[in-house]
Amino acid sequence: MLREQFRAATGGRELPLLLDFSHHAVVKHLDPPFAARLLAEPELVGRTRWHHLRPFNGHHAQIPVLSADGSLAPEMTDWLTFADEILRLLRNGPLNEVWICPEIGPVRGGYGLSAFPSSWQQAVALNKILQKHWEKTP
């Protein structure tokens, strides 16, 4: 495994990682709940400083955060359960600082679809949602 080879080559240092689970969920065609499969190494997640939290389901690397009327998109429910588990691992992990990117890709490039609300509006909404979930995480 790359992680073990890096450790051996660097005298025991951990491989710096930036985690983005959205692609793994799509490749594996997962059904919710996602955490058991995607967070199988909680120690690895808990010590990782950088995270891209792009809402996904088991078949799409990005789902809308908001519905057309501005309410939370129904697809977000399962993803937020997963995001809460990541936030719990980070909150209780050894790091005193973590960086979370509330990532929403644009239509151009293939992440967003033309029916989705504005990528920027969704990213702002996702940031607020994640902040609230972070604050309530034990």
C-alpha atoms as a PDB file:
ATOM      1  CA  MET A   1       0.000   0.000   0.000  1.00  0.00           C
ATOM      2  CA  LEU A   2       1.235   3.505  -0.822  1.00  0.00           C
ATOM      3  CA  ARG A   3       0.789   4.653   2.773  1.00  0.00           C
ATOM      4  CA  GLU A   4       3.116   1.945   4.100  1.00  0.00           C
ATOM      5  CA  GLN A   5       5.710   2.577   1.383  1.00  0.00           C
ATOM      6  CA  PHE A   6       5.692   6.307   2.175  1.00  0.00           C
ATOM      7  CA  ARG A   7       6.163   5.564   5.883  1.00  0.00           C
ATOM      8  CA  ALA A   8       9.132   3.288   5.128  1.00  0.00           C
ATOM      9  CA  ALA A   9      10.732   5.784   2.739  1.00  0.00           C
ATOM     10  CA  THR A  10      10.359   8.773   5.098  1.00  0.00           C
ATOM     11  CA  GLY A  11      11.374   7.256   8.407  1.00  0.00           C
ATOM     12  CA  GLY A  12       7.851   6.806   9.729  1.00  0.00           C
ATOM     13  CA  ARG A  13       6.117   9.998   8.576  1.00  0.00           C
ATOM     14  CA  GLU A  14       2.463   9.690   7.639  1.00  0.00           C
ATOM     15  CA  LEU A  15       1.412  10.252   4.050  1.00  0.00           C
ATOM     16  CA  PRO A  16      -0.360  13.622   3.795  1.00  0.00           C
ATOM     17  CA  LEU A  17      -3.833  13.070   2.390  1.00  0.00           C
ATOM     18  CA  LEU A  18      -6.743  15.113   1.116  1.00  0.00           C
ATOM     19  CA  LEU A  19      -9.904  13.017   1.317  1.00  0.00           C
ATOM     20  CA  ASP A  20     -12.801  13.268  -1.135  1.00  0.00           C
ATOM     21  CA  PHE A  21     -15.188  10.367  -0.685  1.00  0.00           C
ATOM     22  CA  SER A  22     -17.580  11.315  -3.480  1.00  0.00           C
ATOM     23  CA  HIS A  23     -15.711   9.423  -6.195  1.00  0.00           C
ATOM     24  CA  HIS A  24     -15.297   6.268  -4.107  1.00  0.00           C
ATOM     25  CA  ALA A  25     -19.032   6.138  -3.429  1.00  0.00           C
ATOM     26  CA  VAL A  26     -19.798   6.353  -7.142  1.00  0.00           C
ATOM     27  CA  VAL A  27     -17.214   3.776  -8.172  1.00  0.00           C
ATOM     28  CA  LYS A  28     -18.538   1.340  -5.576  1.00  0.00           C
ATOM     29  CA  HIS A  29     -22.229   2.128  -6.313  1.00  0.00           C
ATOM     30  CA  LEU A  30     -22.985   2.301  -2.619  1.00  0.00           C
ATOM     31  CA  ASP A  31     -26.389   2.455  -1.053  1.00  0.00           C
ATOM     32  CA  PRO A  32     -26.758   4.431   2.162  1.00  0.00           C
ATOM     33  CA  PRO A  33     -25.630   4.318   4.854  1.00  0.00           C
ATOM     34  CA  PHE A  34     -22.173   5.066   3.442  1.00  0.00           C
ATOM     35  CA  ALA A  35     -20.021   5.272   6.576  1.00  0.00           C
ATOM     36  CA  ALA A  36     -19.370   1.556   7.121  1.00  0.00           C
ATOM     37  CA  ARG A  37     -17.694   1.199   3.724  1.00  0.00           C
ATOM     38  CA  LEU A  38     -16.115   4.613   3.245  1.00  0.00           C
ATOM     39  CA  LEU A  39     -14.880   5.163   6.793  1.00  0.00           C
ATOM     40  CA  ALA A  40     -13.500   1.658   7.318  1.00  0.00           C
ATOM     41  CA  GLU A  41     -10.236   3.189   8.627  1.00  0.00           C
ATOM     42  CA  PRO A  42     -11.434   5.786  11.156  1.00  0.00           C
ATOM     43  CA  GLU A  43      -7.873   6.440  12.390  1.00  0.00           C
ATOM     44  CA  LEU A  44      -6.881   7.481   8.873  1.00  0.00           C
ATOM     45  CA  VAL A  45      -9.814   9.888   8.587  1.00  0.00           C
ATOM     46  CA  GLY A  46      -9.256  11.296  12.070  1.00  0.00           C
ATOM     47  CA  ARG A  47      -5.641  12.225  11.349  1.00  0.00           C
ATOM     48  CA  THR A  48      -6.297  13.722   7.894  1.00  0.00           C
ATOM     49  CA  ARG A  49      -6.161  17.507   7.882  1.00  0.00           C
ATOM     50  CA  TRP A  50      -7.797  18.253   4.498  1.00  0.00           C
ATOM     51  CA  HIS A  51     -11.243  17.126   3.380  1.00  0.00           C
ATOM     52  CA  HIS A  52     -13.417  17.866   0.390  1.00  0.00           C
ATOM     53  CA  LEU A  53     -17.015  17.389   1.453  1.00  0.00           C
ATOM     54  CA  ARG A  54     -18.956  17.222  -1.794  1.00  0.00           C
ATOM     55  CA  PRO A  55     -22.492  15.884  -1.336  1.00  0.00           C
ATOM     56  CA  PHE A  56     -22.927  12.618  -3.230  1.00  0.00           C
ATOM     57  CA  ASN A  57     -25.061   9.553  -3.396  1.00  0.00           C
ATOM     58  CA  GLY A  58     -23.957   6.098  -4.452  1.00  0.00           C
ATOM     59  CA  HIS A  59     -24.367   6.851  -8.155  1.00  0.00           C
ATOM     60  CA  HIS A  60     -23.587  10.553  -8.584  1.00  0.00           C
ATOM     61  CA  ALA A  61     -20.378  12.288  -7.495  1.00  0.00           C
ATOM     62  CA  GLN A  62     -22.402  15.414  -6.757  1.00  0.00           C
ATOM     63  CA  ILE A  63     -25.996  15.937  -5.745  1.00  0.00           C
ATOM     64  CA  PRO A  64     -27.733  19.270  -5.232  1.00  0.00           C
ATOM     65  CA  VAL A  65     -27.666  20.802  -1.772  1.00  0.00           C
ATOM     66  CA  LEU A  66     -30.796  22.843  -2.363  1.00  0.00           C
ATOM     67  CA  SER A  67     -34.035  22.165  -4.199  1.00  0.00           C
ATOM     68  CA  ALA A  68     -35.359  24.680  -6.713  1.00  0.00           C
ATOM     69  CA  ASP A  69     -37.429  26.337  -3.949  1.00  0.00           C
ATOM     70  CA  GLY A  70     -34.314  26.873  -1.786  1.00  0.00           C
ATOM     71  CA  SER A  71     -35.088  24.129   0.739  1.00  0.00           C
ATOM     72  CA  LEU A  72     -32.662  21.325   1.518  1.00  0.00           C
ATOM     73  CA  ALA A  73     -32.658  18.769  -1.314  1.00  0.00           C
ATOM     74  CA  PRO A  74     -34.084  15.420  -0.132  1.00  0.00           C
ATOM     75  CA  GLU A  75     -30.958  13.587  -1.362  1.00  0.00           C
ATOM     76  CA  MET A  76     -28.933  15.432   1.273  1.00  0.00           C
ATOM     77  CA  THR A  77     -30.409  13.446   4.176  1.00  0.00           C
ATOM     78  CA  ASP A  78     -28.292  10.323   3.654  1.00  0.00           C
ATOM     79  CA  TRP A  79     -25.183  12.344   2.852  1.00  0.00           C
ATOM     80  CA  LEU A  80     -25.532  14.491   5.991  1.00  0.00           C
ATOM     81  CA  THR A  81     -25.614  11.327   8.081  1.00  0.00           C
ATOM     82  CA  PHE A  82     -22.282  10.398   6.474  1.00  0.00           C
ATOM     83  CA  ALA A  83     -20.882  13.938   6.886  1.00  0.00           C
ATOM     84  CA  ASP A  84     -21.817  13.891  10.575  1.00  0.00           C
ATOM     85  CA  GLU A  85     -19.729  10.751  11.032  1.00  0.00           C
ATOM     86  CA  ILE A  86     -16.712  12.398   9.374  1.00  0.00           C
ATOM     87  CA  LEU A  87     -17.155  15.504  11.509  1.00  0.00           C
ATOM     88  CA  ARG A  88     -17.333  13.328  14.640  1.00  0.00           C
ATOM     89  CA  LEU A  89     -14.070  11.590  13.702  1.00  0.00           C
ATOM     90  CA  LEU A  90     -12.371  14.925  13.062  1.00  0.00           C
ATOM     91  CA  ARG A  91     -13.755  16.570  16.187  1.00  0.00           C
ATOM     92  CA  ASN A  92     -12.461  13.695  18.327  1.00  0.00           C
ATOM     93  CA  GLY A  93      -9.221  13.144  16.427  1.00  0.00           C
ATOM     94  CA  PRO A  94      -5.685  14.186  17.327  1.00  0.00           C
ATOM     95  CA  LEU A  95      -5.503  17.287  15.127  1.00  0.00           C
ATOM     96  CA  ASN A  96      -5.991  20.769  16.505  1.00  0.00           C
ATOM     97  CA  GLU A  97      -6.888  22.114  13.061  1.00  0.00           C
ATOM     98  CA  VAL A  98      -8.678  20.671  10.028  1.00  0.00           C
ATOM     99  CA  TRP A  99      -9.615  22.200   6.694  1.00  0.00           C
ATOM    100  CA  ILE A 100     -12.943  21.332   5.102  1.00  0.00           C
ATOM    101  CA  CYS A 101     -13.861  22.475   1.611  1.00  0.00           C
ATOM    102  CA  PRO A 102     -17.642  22.538   1.048  1.00  0.00           C
ATOM    103  CA  GLU A 103     -17.089  21.543  -2.545  1.00  0.00           C
ATOM    104  CA  ILE A 104     -19.686  22.045  -5.278  1.00  0.00           C
ATOM    105  CA  GLY A 105     -18.506  21.743  -8.863  1.00  0.00           C
ATOM    106  CA  PRO A 106     -19.918  23.778 -11.732  1.00  0.00           C
ATOM    107  CA  VAL A 107     -22.009  22.521 -14.663  1.00  0.00           C
ATOM    108  CA  ARG A 108     -18.975  23.007 -16.896  1.00  0.00           C
ATOM    109  CA  GLY A 109     -16.724  20.072 -16.132  1.00  0.00           C
ATOM    110  CA  GLY A 110     -19.556  17.670 -15.459  1.00  0.00           C
ATOM    111  CA  TYR A 111     -20.214  17.826 -11.725  1.00  0.00           C
ATOM    112  CA  GLY A 112     -23.272  20.001 -11.723  1.00  0.00           C
ATOM    113  CA  LEU A 113     -26.287  19.577 -13.960  1.00  0.00           C
ATOM    114  CA  SER A 114     -28.161  22.412 -15.613  1.00  0.00           C
ATOM    115  CA  ALA A 115     -31.190  21.746 -13.369  1.00  0.00           C
ATOM    116  CA  PHE A 116     -29.136  22.318 -10.189  1.00  0.00           C
ATOM    117  CA  PRO A 117     -29.231  25.700  -8.460  1.00  0.00           C
ATOM    118  CA  SER A 118     -26.169  27.935  -8.799  1.00  0.00           C
ATOM    119  CA  SER A 119     -22.942  26.222  -7.687  1.00  0.00           C
ATOM    120  CA  TRP A 120     -21.959  29.263  -5.663  1.00  0.00           C
ATOM    121  CA  GLN A 121     -25.317  29.449  -3.839  1.00  0.00           C
ATOM    122  CA  GLN A 122     -25.091  25.745  -3.075  1.00  0.00           C
ATOM    123  CA  ALA A 123     -21.508  26.040  -1.791  1.00  0.00           C
ATOM    124  CA  VAL A 124     -22.501  28.916   0.504  1.00  0.00           C
ATOM    125  CA  ALA A 125     -25.513  26.935   1.774  1.00  0.00           C
ATOM    126  CA  LEU A 126     -23.372  23.812   2.256  1.00  0.00           C
ATOM    127  CA  ASN A 127     -20.797  25.806   4.207  1.00  0.00           C
ATOM    128  CA  LYS A 128     -23.498  27.058   6.595  1.00  0.00           C
ATOM    129  CA  ILE A 129     -24.943  23.557   6.983  1.00  0.00           C
ATOM    130  CA  LEU A 130     -21.537  22.050   7.723  1.00  0.00           C
ATOM    131  CA  GLN A 131     -20.744  24.778  10.257  1.00  0.00           C
ATOM    132  CA  LYS A 132     -23.996  24.048  12.110  1.00  0.00           C
ATOM    133  CA  HIS A 133     -23.313  20.313  12.058  1.00  0.00           C
ATOM    134  CA  TRP A 134     -19.719  20.884  13.267  1.00  0.00           C
ATOM    135  CA  GLU A 135     -20.941  22.991  16.176  1.00  0.00           C
ATOM    136  CA  LYS A 136     -23.432  20.331  17.330  1.00  0.00           C
ATOM    137  CA  THR A 137     -20.995  17.412  16.912  1.00  0.00           C
ATOM    138  CA  PRO A 138     -19.978  15.879  20.252  1.00  0.00           C
END
